[in-house]
């Protein structure tokens, strides 16, 4: 059996999606958030299925992501119940069963850590990457790493769907238009959708 979640189709009644986004470097993180939300909606996630939480900076993201990953909702569902009577005949009636599940199908973590004059960025990046992994493994809720870890502001702009400077000068001295490298917000939301689809298919 081959399990593939790359179709990104959201299963019915899958729950909600949380996005935890840092306010630090707001121009960059705002673009990441916009791309993530639009990607979720493009793949069938409605506005009322998306919760967005703003935190001061990237270092604060894991604390909130951990809190959200631990939230459980009580679900009450109709189930057929088989009852054996004294005469060994069977009667089937509709009963109720309650169970708990994670409120969030996935948590998308967005931020931008840009290298400065000290090694501060390295400590933040290491701490949050380990935290995201630990949260996912401990709770079973995918916690997606959408934090940019860049050397320069231009790199962060290029990785959030913008152009890293309107014009750049190449080694030959000729001016060229900068290109977009990617969009981490879109990529992280797509990864979240794939994980949710894949987990829905895997044995429980």
Foldseek 3Di string as FASTA:
>chain_A
DDFFLLVLAFDPPLAAEEEEFACVVVVLRVLLQVLQVVLCVVRPHDPVRYHYHYDHALLCQLVVVLVLLPDKDKDKDKDWDWDQDPVRDIDIDIDIDIDIDRNHQAYEYEHEQEDDPDCVLVVSVVVNVVSQVVSCVVRVRRYFDLYHYYHDPLVSQLQQPHFSDQWDADPVRDIDGGHRPYRSSNVRSSVSSSVSSRVVPDDD
